[in-house]
Amino acid sequence: MRFGQVLLGAVIAVQMMTVGAVAQESEATVKDIVEASKTDSHLQDLIMAAGKSYQTVNFYQRMARKPELFCPPKDLAITAEQFRQILIDHVGRYPNLGELPADGWLYVMLVSLTQVFPCPK
């Protein structure tokens, strides 16, 4: 099995756990996830896991000599709180992303990271 398939499976598992934790109703949005993450330690852990998963994809891309998804400074260790704050700030800056269905939060997280840590062209 290829690394990418394993990682995709892990991301899908995180997605399913999140939707189960917050999006009990069909009307839940990314903003609901963000708001709940302010007090829900389970969601905070899932956001950190998603951020670390994206960092793992970056490592894989780097080893395969392919472009990375986002490019934080090499000496920066992004903390769980920083991952969460990046997501909160991005949804605050782009409220339309907060209106996406709750299962879109991983997409919003990745977009947030690519904008906060753009890669050189």
PDB file of N, CA and C in Angstrom:
ATOM      1  N   MET A   1       0.853  -1.179   0.000  1.00  0.00           N
ATOM      2  CA  MET A   1       0.000   0.000   0.000  1.00  0.00           C
ATOM      3  C   MET A   1       0.895   1.237   0.000  1.00  0.00           C
ATOM      4  N   ARG A   2       0.522   2.196  -0.767  1.00  0.00           N
ATOM      5  CA  ARG A   2       1.298   3.424  -0.888  1.00  0.00           C
ATOM      6  C   ARG A   2       1.067   4.325   0.317  1.00  0.00           C
ATOM      7  N   PHE A   3       2.093   5.106   0.642  1.00  0.00           N
ATOM      8  CA  PHE A   3       2.019   6.034   1.763  1.00  0.00           C
ATOM      9  C   PHE A   3       0.827   6.976   1.633  1.00  0.00           C
ATOM     10  N   GLY A   4       0.605   7.498   0.428  1.00  0.00           N
ATOM     11  CA  GLY A   4      -0.491   8.437   0.203  1.00  0.00           C
ATOM     12  C   GLY A   4      -1.844   7.832   0.537  1.00  0.00           C
ATOM     13  N   GLN A   5      -2.029   6.554   0.241  1.00  0.00           N
ATOM     14  CA  GLN A   5      -3.298   5.886   0.543  1.00  0.00           C
ATOM     15  C   GLN A   5      -3.484   5.741   2.046  1.00  0.00           C
ATOM     16  N   VAL A   6      -2.408   5.404   2.739  1.00  0.00           N
ATOM     17  CA  VAL A   6      -2.481   5.282   4.198  1.00  0.00           C
ATOM     18  C   VAL A   6      -2.813   6.626   4.822  1.00  0.00           C
ATOM     19  N   LEU A   7      -2.137   7.674   4.359  1.00  0.00           N
ATOM     20  CA  LEU A   7      -2.379   9.002   4.906  1.00  0.00           C
ATOM     21  C   LEU A   7      -3.795   9.472   4.603  1.00  0.00           C
ATOM     22  N   LEU A   8      -4.268   9.201   3.392  1.00  0.00           N
ATOM     23  CA  LEU A   8      -5.642   9.561   3.056  1.00  0.00           C
ATOM     24  C   LEU A   8      -6.621   8.853   3.982  1.00  0.00           C
ATOM     25  N   GLY A   9      -6.373   7.599   4.272  1.00  0.00           N
ATOM     26  CA  GLY A   9      -7.228   6.862   5.209  1.00  0.00           C
ATOM     27  C   GLY A   9      -7.226   7.499   6.596  1.00  0.00           C
ATOM     28  N   ALA A  10      -6.059   7.965   7.041  1.00  0.00           N
ATOM     29  CA  ALA A  10      -5.962   8.619   8.351  1.00  0.00           C
ATOM     30  C   ALA A  10      -6.739   9.931   8.359  1.00  0.00           C
ATOM     31  N   VAL A  11      -6.632  10.698   7.277  1.00  0.00           N
ATOM     32  CA  VAL A  11      -7.361  11.969   7.198  1.00  0.00           C
ATOM     33  C   VAL A  11      -8.867  11.710   7.188  1.00  0.00           C
ATOM     34  N   ILE A  12      -9.304  10.689   6.462  1.00  0.00           N
ATOM     35  CA  ILE A  12     -10.735  10.352   6.438  1.00  0.00           C
ATOM     36  C   ILE A  12     -11.196   9.934   7.827  1.00  0.00           C
ATOM     37  N   ALA A  13     -10.376   9.187   8.554  1.00  0.00           N
ATOM     38  CA  ALA A  13     -10.740   8.781   9.911  1.00  0.00           C
ATOM     39  C   ALA A  13     -10.889   9.993  10.823  1.00  0.00           C
ATOM     40  N   VAL A  14      -9.967  10.942  10.719  1.00  0.00           N
ATOM     41  CA  VAL A  14     -10.068  12.172  11.516  1.00  0.00           C
ATOM     42  C   VAL A  14     -11.350  12.905  11.158  1.00  0.00           C
ATOM     43  N   GLN A  15     -11.638  12.984   9.858  1.00  0.00           N
ATOM     44  CA  GLN A  15     -12.853  13.655   9.396  1.00  0.00           C
ATOM     45  C   GLN A  15     -14.098  13.013   9.999  1.00  0.00           C
ATOM     46  N   MET A  16     -14.147  11.690   9.987  1.00  0.00           N
ATOM     47  CA  MET A  16     -15.326  10.985  10.505  1.00  0.00           C
ATOM     48  C   MET A  16     -15.474  11.222  12.010  1.00  0.00           C
ATOM     49  N   MET A  17     -14.372  11.218  12.746  1.00  0.00           N
ATOM     50  CA  MET A  17     -14.439  11.457  14.186  1.00  0.00           C
ATOM     51  C   MET A  17     -14.946  12.864  14.478  1.00  0.00           C
ATOM     52  N   THR A  18     -14.505  13.830  13.683  1.00  0.00           N
ATOM     53  CA  THR A  18     -14.918  15.215  13.903  1.00  0.00           C
ATOM     54  C   THR A  18     -16.393  15.391  13.633  1.00  0.00           C
ATOM     55  N   VAL A  19     -16.830  14.902  12.502  1.00  0.00           N
ATOM     56  CA  VAL A  19     -18.239  15.065  12.153  1.00  0.00           C
ATOM     57  C   VAL A  19     -19.099  14.382  13.201  1.00  0.00           C
ATOM     58  N   GLY A  20     -18.664  13.237  13.687  1.00  0.00           N
ATOM     59  CA  GLY A  20     -19.419  12.558  14.732  1.00  0.00           C
ATOM     60  C   GLY A  20     -19.430  13.342  16.029  1.00  0.00           C
ATOM     61  N   ALA A  21     -18.351  14.040  16.327  1.00  0.00           N
ATOM     62  CA  ALA A  21     -18.237  14.769  17.583  1.00  0.00           C
ATOM     63  C   ALA A  21     -19.065  16.043  17.606  1.00  0.00           C
ATOM     64  N   VAL A  22     -19.175  16.746  16.484  1.00  0.00           N
ATOM     65  CA  VAL A  22     -19.825  18.054  16.469  1.00  0.00           C
ATOM     66  C   VAL A  22     -21.060  18.086  15.587  1.00  0.00           C
ATOM     67  N   ALA A  23     -20.952  17.511  14.444  1.00  0.00           N
ATOM     68  CA  ALA A  23     -21.987  17.699  13.430  1.00  0.00           C
ATOM     69  C   ALA A  23     -23.100  16.666  13.548  1.00  0.00           C
ATOM     70  N   GLN A  24     -23.696  16.581  14.697  1.00  0.00           N
ATOM     71  CA  GLN A  24     -24.799  15.648  14.894  1.00  0.00           C
ATOM     72  C   GLN A  24     -25.989  16.016  14.024  1.00  0.00           C
ATOM     73  N   GLU A  25     -26.122  17.282  13.756  1.00  0.00           N
ATOM     74  CA  GLU A  25     -27.221  17.749  12.918  1.00  0.00           C
ATOM     75  C   GLU A  25     -26.707  18.078  11.530  1.00  0.00           C
ATOM     76  N   SER A  26     -27.552  17.966  10.552  1.00  0.00           N
ATOM     77  CA  SER A  26     -27.127  18.157   9.174  1.00  0.00           C
ATOM     78  C   SER A  26     -26.794  19.606   8.853  1.00  0.00           C
ATOM     79  N   GLU A  27     -27.165  20.532   9.699  1.00  0.00           N
ATOM     80  CA  GLU A  27     -26.936  21.956   9.432  1.00  0.00           C
ATOM     81  C   GLU A  27     -25.619  22.467   9.998  1.00  0.00           C
ATOM     82  N   ALA A  28     -24.822  21.630  10.635  1.00  0.00           N
ATOM     83  CA  ALA A  28     -23.571  22.073  11.249  1.00  0.00           C
ATOM     84  C   ALA A  28     -22.610  22.602  10.179  1.00  0.00           C
ATOM     85  N   THR A  29     -21.838  23.616  10.554  1.00  0.00           N
ATOM     86  CA  THR A  29     -20.913  24.271   9.629  1.00  0.00           C
ATOM     87  C   THR A  29     -19.482  24.241  10.169  1.00  0.00           C
ATOM     88  N   VAL A  30     -18.560  24.662   9.331  1.00  0.00           N
ATOM     89  CA  VAL A  30     -17.168  24.800   9.755  1.00  0.00           C
ATOM     90  C   VAL A  30     -17.085  25.771  10.925  1.00  0.00           C
ATOM     91  N   LYS A  31     -17.870  26.827  10.884  1.00  0.00           N
ATOM     92  CA  LYS A  31     -17.878  27.789  11.997  1.00  0.00           C
ATOM     93  C   LYS A  31     -18.269  27.102  13.303  1.00  0.00           C
ATOM     94  N   ASP A  32     -19.206  26.156  13.247  1.00  0.00           N
ATOM     95  CA  ASP A  32     -19.595  25.404  14.444  1.00  0.00           C
ATOM     96  C   ASP A  32     -18.412  24.609  14.992  1.00  0.00           C
ATOM     97  N   ILE A  33     -17.636  24.012  14.092  1.00  0.00           N
ATOM     98  CA  ILE A  33     -16.438  23.272  14.504  1.00  0.00           C
ATOM     99  C   ILE A  33     -15.462  24.220  15.194  1.00  0.00           C
ATOM    100  N   VAL A  34     -15.231  25.365  14.569  1.00  0.00           N
ATOM    101  CA  VAL A  34     -14.291  26.349  15.110  1.00  0.00           C
ATOM    102  C   VAL A  34     -14.751  26.818  16.488  1.00  0.00           C
ATOM    103  N   GLU A  35     -16.019  27.152  16.617  1.00  0.00           N
ATOM    104  CA  GLU A  35     -16.544  27.622  17.905  1.00  0.00           C
ATOM    105  C   GLU A  35     -16.426  26.533  18.969  1.00  0.00           C
ATOM    106  N   ALA A  36     -16.798  25.314  18.627  1.00  0.00           N
ATOM    107  CA  ALA A  36     -16.732  24.220  19.598  1.00  0.00           C
ATOM    108  C   ALA A  36     -15.294  23.927  20.013  1.00  0.00           C
ATOM    109  N   SER A  37     -14.341  24.166  19.114  1.00  0.00           N
ATOM    110  CA  SER A  37     -12.940  23.870  19.432  1.00  0.00           C
ATOM    111  C   SER A  37     -12.378  24.784  20.513  1.00  0.00           C
ATOM    112  N   LYS A  38     -13.068  25.862  20.800  1.00  0.00           N
ATOM    113  CA  LYS A  38     -12.587  26.784  21.841  1.00  0.00           C
ATOM    114  C   LYS A  38     -12.681  26.156  23.222  1.00  0.00           C
ATOM    115  N   THR A  39     -13.600  25.190  23.395  1.00  0.00           N
ATOM    116  CA  THR A  39     -13.769  24.569  24.704  1.00  0.00           C
ATOM    117  C   THR A  39     -13.696  23.047  24.676  1.00  0.00           C
ATOM    118  N   ASP A  40     -13.777  22.444  23.513  1.00  0.00           N
ATOM    119  CA  ASP A  40     -13.820  20.986  23.380  1.00  0.00           C
ATOM    120  C   ASP A  40     -12.410  20.444  23.151  1.00  0.00           C
ATOM    121  N   SER A  41     -11.851  19.791  24.172  1.00  0.00           N
ATOM    122  CA  SER A  41     -10.471  19.302  24.056  1.00  0.00           C
ATOM    123  C   SER A  41     -10.351  18.198  23.011  1.00  0.00           C
ATOM    124  N   HIS A  42     -11.409  17.436  22.783  1.00  0.00           N
ATOM    125  CA  HIS A  42     -11.382  16.404  21.744  1.00  0.00           C
ATOM    126  C   HIS A  42     -11.186  17.045  20.372  1.00  0.00           C
ATOM    127  N   LEU A  43     -11.920  18.098  20.100  1.00  0.00           N
ATOM    128  CA  LEU A  43     -11.763  18.807  18.825  1.00  0.00           C
ATOM    129  C   LEU A  43     -10.389  19.453  18.719  1.00  0.00           C
ATOM    130  N   GLN A  44      -9.890  19.978  19.816  1.00  0.00           N
ATOM    131  CA  GLN A  44      -8.554  20.567  19.809  1.00  0.00           C
ATOM    132  C   GLN A  44      -7.523  19.513  19.413  1.00  0.00           C
ATOM    133  N   ASP A  45      -7.676  18.296  19.950  1.00  0.00           N
ATOM    134  CA  ASP A  45      -6.767  17.204  19.598  1.00  0.00           C
ATOM    135  C   ASP A  45      -6.898  16.825  18.123  1.00  0.00           C
ATOM    136  N   LEU A  46      -8.121  16.818  17.609  1.00  0.00           N
ATOM    137  CA  LEU A  46      -8.330  16.476  16.200  1.00  0.00           C
ATOM    138  C   LEU A  46      -7.727  17.525  15.274  1.00  0.00           C
ATOM    139  N   ILE A  47      -7.836  18.793  15.650  1.00  0.00           N
ATOM    140  CA  ILE A  47      -7.227  19.855  14.846  1.00  0.00           C
ATOM    141  C   ILE A  47      -5.710  19.697  14.830  1.00  0.00           C
ATOM    142  N   MET A  48      -5.140  19.389  15.993  1.00  0.00           N
ATOM    143  CA  MET A  48      -3.700  19.158  16.047  1.00  0.00           C
ATOM    144  C   MET A  48      -3.332  17.952  15.181  1.00  0.00           C
ATOM    145  N   ALA A  49      -4.114  16.875  15.257  1.00  0.00           N
ATOM    146  CA  ALA A  49      -3.828  15.679  14.453  1.00  0.00           C
ATOM    147  C   ALA A  49      -3.889  15.998  12.961  1.00  0.00           C
ATOM    148  N   ALA A  50      -4.853  16.810  12.565  1.00  0.00           N
ATOM    149  CA  ALA A  50      -4.952  17.198  11.152  1.00  0.00           C
ATOM    150  C   ALA A  50      -3.725  18.005  10.740  1.00  0.00           C
ATOM    151  N   GLY A  51      -3.334  18.976  11.570  1.00  0.00           N
ATOM    152  CA  GLY A  51      -2.158  19.782  11.266  1.00  0.00           C
ATOM    153  C   GLY A  51      -0.899  18.933  11.155  1.00  0.00           C
ATOM    154  N   LYS A  52      -0.740  18.002  12.092  1.00  0.00           N
ATOM    155  CA  LYS A  52       0.427  17.111  12.053  1.00  0.00           C
ATOM    156  C   LYS A  52       0.373  16.202  10.826  1.00  0.00           C
ATOM    157  N   SER A  53      -0.835  15.784  10.432  1.00  0.00           N
ATOM    158  CA  SER A  53      -0.978  14.962   9.219  1.00  0.00           C
ATOM    159  C   SER A  53      -0.540  15.738   7.990  1.00  0.00           C
ATOM    160  N   TYR A  54      -0.940  17.005   7.916  1.00  0.00           N
ATOM    161  CA  TYR A  54      -0.508  17.834   6.791  1.00  0.00           C
ATOM    162  C   TYR A  54       1.002  18.036   6.806  1.00  0.00           C
ATOM    163  N   GLN A  55       1.594  18.142   7.988  1.00  0.00           N
ATOM    164  CA  GLN A  55       3.049  18.243   8.073  1.00  0.00           C
ATOM    165  C   GLN A  55       3.708  16.954   7.575  1.00  0.00           C
ATOM    166  N   THR A  56       3.075  15.819   7.860  1.00  0.00           N
ATOM    167  CA  THR A  56       3.596  14.543   7.388  1.00  0.00           C
ATOM    168  C   THR A  56       3.525  14.460   5.865  1.00  0.00           C
ATOM    169  N   VAL A  57       2.441  14.965   5.297  1.00  0.00           N
ATOM    170  CA  VAL A  57       2.348  15.027   3.833  1.00  0.00           C
ATOM    171  C   VAL A  57       3.475  15.893   3.287  1.00  0.00           C
ATOM    172  N   ASN A  58       3.729  17.018   3.938  1.00  0.00           N
ATOM    173  CA  ASN A  58       4.837  17.879   3.506  1.00  0.00           C
ATOM    174  C   ASN A  58       6.162  17.125   3.529  1.00  0.00           C
ATOM    175  N   PHE A  59       6.391  16.365   4.586  1.00  0.00           N
ATOM    176  CA  PHE A  59       7.637  15.594   4.693  1.00  0.00           C
ATOM    177  C   PHE A  59       7.723  14.587   3.544  1.00  0.00           C
ATOM    178  N   TYR A  60       6.624  13.906   3.288  1.00  0.00           N
ATOM    179  CA  TYR A  60       6.589  12.949   2.176  1.00  0.00           C
ATOM    180  C   TYR A  60       6.896  13.645   0.845  1.00  0.00           C
ATOM    181  N   GLN A  61       6.257  14.782   0.631  1.00  0.00           N
ATOM    182  CA  GLN A  61       6.484  15.542  -0.605  1.00  0.00           C
ATOM    183  C   GLN A  61       7.958  15.939  -0.735  1.00  0.00           C
ATOM    184  N   ARG A  62       8.525  16.393   0.370  1.00  0.00           N
ATOM    185  CA  ARG A  62       9.933  16.812   0.362  1.00  0.00           C
ATOM    186  C   ARG A  62      10.840  15.617   0.014  1.00  0.00           C
ATOM    187  N   MET A  63      10.574  14.453   0.611  1.00  0.00           N
ATOM    188  CA  MET A  63      11.391  13.272   0.353  1.00  0.00           C
ATOM    189  C   MET A  63      11.222  12.790  -1.094  1.00  0.00           C
ATOM    190  N   ALA A  64      10.045  13.011  -1.653  1.00  0.00           N
ATOM    191  CA  ALA A  64       9.775  12.613  -3.042  1.00  0.00           C
ATOM    192  C   ALA A  64      10.196  13.702  -4.037  1.00  0.00           C
ATOM    193  N   ARG A  65      10.776  14.773  -3.501  1.00  0.00           N
ATOM    194  CA  ARG A  65      11.204  15.914  -4.318  1.00  0.00           C
ATOM    195  C   ARG A  65      10.040  16.526  -5.101  1.00  0.00           C
ATOM    196  N   LYS A  66       8.923  16.635  -4.392  1.00  0.00           N
ATOM    197  CA  LYS A  66       7.719  17.252  -4.965  1.00  0.00           C
ATOM    198  C   LYS A  66       7.390  18.508  -4.164  1.00  0.00           C
ATOM    199  N   PRO A  67       6.574  19.405  -4.732  1.00  0.00           N
ATOM    200  CA  PRO A  67       6.232  20.636  -4.004  1.00  0.00           C
ATOM    201  C   PRO A  67       5.465  20.349  -2.713  1.00  0.00           C
ATOM    202  N   GLU A  68       5.807  21.089  -1.682  1.00  0.00           N
ATOM    203  CA  GLU A  68       5.107  20.958  -0.406  1.00  0.00           C
ATOM    204  C   GLU A  68       3.779  21.702  -0.466  1.00  0.00           C
ATOM    205  N   LEU A  69       2.859  21.339   0.425  1.00  0.00           N
ATOM    206  CA  LEU A  69       1.543  21.973   0.479  1.00  0.00           C
ATOM    207  C   LEU A  69       1.618  23.380   1.065  1.00  0.00           C
ATOM    208  N   PHE A  70       2.439  23.547   2.079  1.00  0.00           N
ATOM    209  CA  PHE A  70       2.641  24.842   2.739  1.00  0.00           C
ATOM    210  C   PHE A  70       4.067  24.847   3.253  1.00  0.00           C
ATOM    211  N   CYS A  71       4.601  26.048   3.534  1.00  0.00           N
ATOM    212  CA  CYS A  71       6.028  26.162   3.829  1.00  0.00           C
ATOM    213  C   CYS A  71       6.305  27.009   5.069  1.00  0.00           C
ATOM    214  N   PRO A  72       6.099  26.452   6.249  1.00  0.00           N
ATOM    215  CA  PRO A  72       6.469  27.209   7.452  1.00  0.00           C
ATOM    216  C   PRO A  72       7.981  27.315   7.558  1.00  0.00           C
ATOM    217  N   PRO A  73       8.468  28.275   8.326  1.00  0.00           N
ATOM    218  CA  PRO A  73       9.919  28.363   8.529  1.00  0.00           C
ATOM    219  C   PRO A  73      10.447  27.031   9.068  1.00  0.00           C
ATOM    220  N   LYS A  74      11.600  26.630   8.612  1.00  0.00           N
ATOM    221  CA  LYS A  74      12.167  25.324   8.985  1.00  0.00           C
ATOM    222  C   LYS A  74      12.381  25.184  10.488  1.00  0.00           C
ATOM    223  N   ASP A  75      12.613  26.291  11.184  1.00  0.00           N
ATOM    224  CA  ASP A  75      12.877  26.227  12.621  1.00  0.00           C
ATOM    225  C   ASP A  75      11.621  26.408  13.469  1.00  0.00           C
ATOM    226  N   LEU A  76      10.444  26.423  12.841  1.00  0.00           N
ATOM    227  CA  LEU A  76       9.191  26.612  13.576  1.00  0.00           C
ATOM    228  C   LEU A  76       8.530  25.268  13.855  1.00  0.00           C
ATOM    229  N   ALA A  77       8.291  24.997  15.123  1.00  0.00           N
ATOM    230  CA  ALA A  77       7.512  23.821  15.517  1.00  0.00           C
ATOM    231  C   ALA A  77       6.104  24.327  15.835  1.00  0.00           C
ATOM    232  N   ILE A  78       5.165  24.061  14.947  1.00  0.00           N
ATOM    233  CA  ILE A  78       3.802  24.570  15.124  1.00  0.00           C
ATOM    234  C   ILE A  78       3.129  23.781  16.241  1.00  0.00           C
ATOM    235  N   THR A  79       2.618  24.499  17.234  1.00  0.00           N
ATOM    236  CA  THR A  79       1.969  23.858  18.376  1.00  0.00           C
ATOM    237  C   THR A  79       0.498  23.598  18.075  1.00  0.00           C
ATOM    238  N   ALA A  80      -0.117  22.788  18.932  1.00  0.00           N
ATOM    239  CA  ALA A  80      -1.546  22.494  18.794  1.00  0.00           C
ATOM    240  C   ALA A  80      -2.360  23.786  18.839  1.00  0.00           C
ATOM    241  N   GLU A  81      -2.030  24.664  19.758  1.00  0.00           N
ATOM    242  CA  GLU A  81      -2.768  25.928  19.875  1.00  0.00           C
ATOM    243  C   GLU A  81      -2.580  26.794  18.627  1.00  0.00           C
ATOM    244  N   GLN A  82      -1.391  26.783  18.058  1.00  0.00           N
ATOM    245  CA  GLN A  82      -1.158  27.562  16.839  1.00  0.00           C
ATOM    246  C   GLN A  82      -1.970  27.020  15.662  1.00  0.00           C
ATOM    247  N   PHE A  83      -2.047  25.693  15.527  1.00  0.00           N
ATOM    248  CA  PHE A  83      -2.886  25.116  14.472  1.00  0.00           C
ATOM    249  C   PHE A  83      -4.330  25.581  14.640  1.00  0.00           C
ATOM    250  N   ARG A  84      -4.824  25.512  15.870  1.00  0.00           N
ATOM    251  CA  ARG A  84      -6.206  25.911  16.144  1.00  0.00           C
ATOM    252  C   ARG A  84      -6.411  27.394  15.874  1.00  0.00           C
ATOM    253  N   GLN A  85      -5.458  28.217  16.289  1.00  0.00           N
ATOM    254  CA  GLN A  85      -5.584  29.658  16.091  1.00  0.00           C
ATOM    255  C   GLN A  85      -5.527  30.031  14.614  1.00  0.00           C
ATOM    256  N   ILE A  86      -4.709  29.318  13.858  1.00  0.00           N
ATOM    257  CA  ILE A  86      -4.659  29.561  12.411  1.00  0.00           C
ATOM    258  C   ILE A  86      -6.033  29.308  11.802  1.00  0.00           C
ATOM    259  N   LEU A  87      -6.681  28.215  12.193  1.00  0.00           N
ATOM    260  CA  LEU A  87      -8.013  27.896  11.691  1.00  0.00           C
ATOM    261  C   LEU A  87      -9.033  28.951  12.126  1.00  0.00           C
ATOM    262  N   ILE A  88      -9.014  29.325  13.396  1.00  0.00           N
ATOM    263  CA  ILE A  88      -9.942  30.338  13.920  1.00  0.00           C
ATOM    264  C   ILE A  88      -9.758  31.660  13.175  1.00  0.00           C
ATOM    265  N   ASP A  89      -8.514  32.101  13.039  1.00  0.00           N
ATOM    266  CA  ASP A  89      -8.239  33.380  12.374  1.00  0.00           C
ATOM    267  C   ASP A  89      -8.686  33.364  10.917  1.00  0.00           C
ATOM    268  N   HIS A  90      -8.453  32.253  10.251  1.00  0.00           N
ATOM    269  CA  HIS A  90      -8.794  32.172   8.831  1.00  0.00           C
ATOM    270  C   HIS A  90     -10.311  32.220   8.623  1.00  0.00           C
ATOM    271  N   VAL A  91     -11.039  31.508   9.455  1.00  0.00           N
ATOM    272  CA  VAL A  91     -12.506  31.541   9.349  1.00  0.00           C
ATOM    273  C   VAL A  91     -13.013  32.931   9.714  1.00  0.00           C
ATOM    274  N   GLY A  92     -12.363  33.592  10.661  1.00  0.00           N
ATOM    275  CA  GLY A  92     -12.739  34.964  10.995  1.00  0.00           C
ATOM    276  C   GLY A  92     -12.488  35.928   9.841  1.00  0.00           C
ATOM    277  N   ARG A  93     -11.394  35.706   9.126  1.00  0.00           N
ATOM    278  CA  ARG A  93     -11.018  36.567   8.005  1.00  0.00           C
ATOM    279  C   ARG A  93     -11.874  36.286   6.770  1.00  0.00           C
ATOM    280  N   TYR A  94     -12.284  35.040   6.600  1.00  0.00           N
ATOM    281  CA  TYR A  94     -13.077  34.631   5.431  1.00  0.00           C
ATOM    282  C   TYR A  94     -14.352  33.931   5.910  1.00  0.00           C
ATOM    283  N   PRO A  95     -15.336  34.704   6.365  1.00  0.00           N
ATOM    284  CA  PRO A  95     -16.545  34.119   6.954  1.00  0.00           C
ATOM    285  C   PRO A  95     -17.281  33.149   6.027  1.00  0.00           C
ATOM    286  N   ASN A  96     -17.147  33.324   4.718  1.00  0.00           N
ATOM    287  CA  ASN A  96     -17.820  32.407   3.799  1.00  0.00           C
ATOM    288  C   ASN A  96     -17.324  30.969   3.982  1.00  0.00           C
ATOM    289  N   LEU A  97     -16.056  30.800   4.369  1.00  0.00           N
ATOM    290  CA  LEU A  97     -15.538  29.458   4.620  1.00  0.00           C
ATOM    291  C   LEU A  97     -16.186  28.846   5.861  1.00  0.00           C
ATOM    292  N   GLY A  98     -16.537  29.679   6.812  1.00  0.00           N
ATOM    293  CA  GLY A  98     -17.212  29.196   8.014  1.00  0.00           C
ATOM    294  C   GLY A  98     -18.606  28.667   7.742  1.00  0.00           C
ATOM    295  N   GLU A  99     -19.185  29.066   6.625  1.00  0.00           N
ATOM    296  CA  GLU A  99     -20.536  28.619   6.274  1.00  0.00           C
ATOM    297  C   GLU A  99     -20.538  27.285   5.532  1.00  0.00           C
ATOM    298  N   LEU A 100     -19.366  26.771   5.189  1.00  0.00           N
ATOM    299  CA  LEU A 100     -19.300  25.463   4.536  1.00  0.00           C
ATOM    300  C   LEU A 100     -19.817  24.388   5.493  1.00  0.00           C
ATOM    301  N   PRO A 101     -20.310  23.272   4.966  1.00  0.00           N
ATOM    302  CA  PRO A 101     -20.728  22.167   5.843  1.00  0.00           C
ATOM    303  C   PRO A 101     -19.570  21.731   6.737  1.00  0.00           C
ATOM    304  N   ALA A 102     -19.885  21.237   7.910  1.00  0.00           N
ATOM    305  CA  ALA A 102     -18.875  20.871   8.905  1.00  0.00           C
ATOM    306  C   ALA A 102     -17.823  19.917   8.354  1.00  0.00           C
ATOM    307  N   ASP A 103     -18.211  19.051   7.445  1.00  0.00           N
ATOM    308  CA  ASP A 103     -17.223  18.101   6.940  1.00  0.00           C
ATOM    309  C   ASP A 103     -16.192  18.745   6.012  1.00  0.00           C
ATOM    310  N   GLY A 104     -16.286  20.049   5.783  1.00  0.00           N
ATOM    311  CA  GLY A 104     -15.288  20.765   5.005  1.00  0.00           C
ATOM    312  C   GLY A 104     -14.173  21.373   5.840  1.00  0.00           C
ATOM    313  N   TRP A 105     -14.152  21.121   7.143  1.00  0.00           N
ATOM    314  CA  TRP A 105     -13.170  21.792   7.997  1.00  0.00           C
ATOM    315  C   TRP A 105     -11.726  21.416   7.654  1.00  0.00           C
ATOM    316  N   LEU A 106     -11.481  20.190   7.197  1.00  0.00           N
ATOM    317  CA  LEU A 106     -10.112  19.818   6.837  1.00  0.00           C
ATOM    318  C   LEU A 106      -9.636  20.595   5.613  1.00  0.00           C
ATOM    319  N   TYR A 107     -10.539  20.830   4.688  1.00  0.00           N
ATOM    320  CA  TYR A 107     -10.227  21.675   3.525  1.00  0.00           C
ATOM    321  C   TYR A 107      -9.861  23.080   3.989  1.00  0.00           C
ATOM    322  N   VAL A 108     -10.676  23.641   4.884  1.00  0.00           N
ATOM    323  CA  VAL A 108     -10.430  25.000   5.382  1.00  0.00           C
ATOM    324  C   VAL A 108      -9.104  25.044   6.138  1.00  0.00           C
ATOM    325  N   MET A 109      -8.801  24.002   6.888  1.00  0.00           N
ATOM    326  CA  MET A 109      -7.527  23.939   7.612  1.00  0.00           C
ATOM    327  C   MET A 109      -6.354  23.976   6.632  1.00  0.00           C
ATOM    328  N   LEU A 110      -6.440  23.197   5.569  1.00  0.00           N
ATOM    329  CA  LEU A 110      -5.350  23.177   4.594  1.00  0.00           C
ATOM    330  C   LEU A 110      -5.213  24.525   3.883  1.00  0.00           C
ATOM    331  N   VAL A 111      -6.326  25.112   3.484  1.00  0.00           N
ATOM    332  CA  VAL A 111      -6.286  26.433   2.843  1.00  0.00           C
ATOM    333  C   VAL A 111      -5.658  27.446   3.797  1.00  0.00           C
ATOM    334  N   SER A 112      -6.020  27.364   5.071  1.00  0.00           N
ATOM    335  CA  SER A 112      -5.453  28.280   6.080  1.00  0.00           C
ATOM    336  C   SER A 112      -3.944  28.153   6.133  1.00  0.00           C
ATOM    337  N   LEU A 113      -3.463  26.932   6.198  1.00  0.00           N
ATOM    338  CA  LEU A 113      -2.023  26.712   6.283  1.00  0.00           C
ATOM    339  C   LEU A 113      -1.296  27.188   5.036  1.00  0.00           C
ATOM    340  N   THR A 114      -1.904  26.984   3.858  1.00  0.00           N
ATOM    341  CA  THR A 114      -1.246  27.432   2.623  1.00  0.00           C
ATOM    342  C   THR A 114      -1.185  28.938   2.527  1.00  0.00           C
ATOM    343  N   GLN A 115      -2.139  29.632   3.147  1.00  0.00           N
ATOM    344  CA  GLN A 115      -2.115  31.085   3.094  1.00  0.00           C
ATOM    345  C   GLN A 115      -1.235  31.701   4.178  1.00  0.00           C
ATOM    346  N   VAL A 116      -1.185  31.068   5.340  1.00  0.00           N
ATOM    347  CA  VAL A 116      -0.327  31.576   6.413  1.00  0.00           C
ATOM    348  C   VAL A 116       1.144  31.287   6.106  1.00  0.00           C
ATOM    349  N   PHE A 117       1.393  30.134   5.493  1.00  0.00           N
ATOM    350  CA  PHE A 117       2.765  29.717   5.178  1.00  0.00           C
ATOM    351  C   PHE A 117       2.885  29.414   3.683  1.00  0.00           C
ATOM    352  N   PRO A 118       2.796  30.450   2.835  1.00  0.00           N
ATOM    353  CA  PRO A 118       2.884  30.194   1.392  1.00  0.00           C
ATOM    354  C   PRO A 118       4.303  29.704   1.021  1.00  0.00           C
ATOM    355  N   CYS A 119       4.332  28.897  -0.003  1.00  0.00           N
ATOM    356  CA  CYS A 119       5.621  28.420  -0.509  1.00  0.00           C
ATOM    357  C   CYS A 119       6.150  29.389  -1.556  1.00  0.00           C
ATOM    358  N   PRO A 120       7.472  29.527  -1.603  1.00  0.00           N
ATOM    359  CA  PRO A 120       8.037  30.383  -2.653  1.00  0.00           C
ATOM    360  C   PRO A 120       7.728  29.775  -4.022  1.00  0.00           C
ATOM    361  N   LYS A 121       7.547  30.646  -4.985  1.00  0.00           N
ATOM    362  CA  LYS A 121       7.220  30.161  -6.340  1.00  0.00           C
ATOM    363  C   LYS A 121       8.464  29.907  -7.134  1.00  0.00           C
TER     364      LYS A 121
END
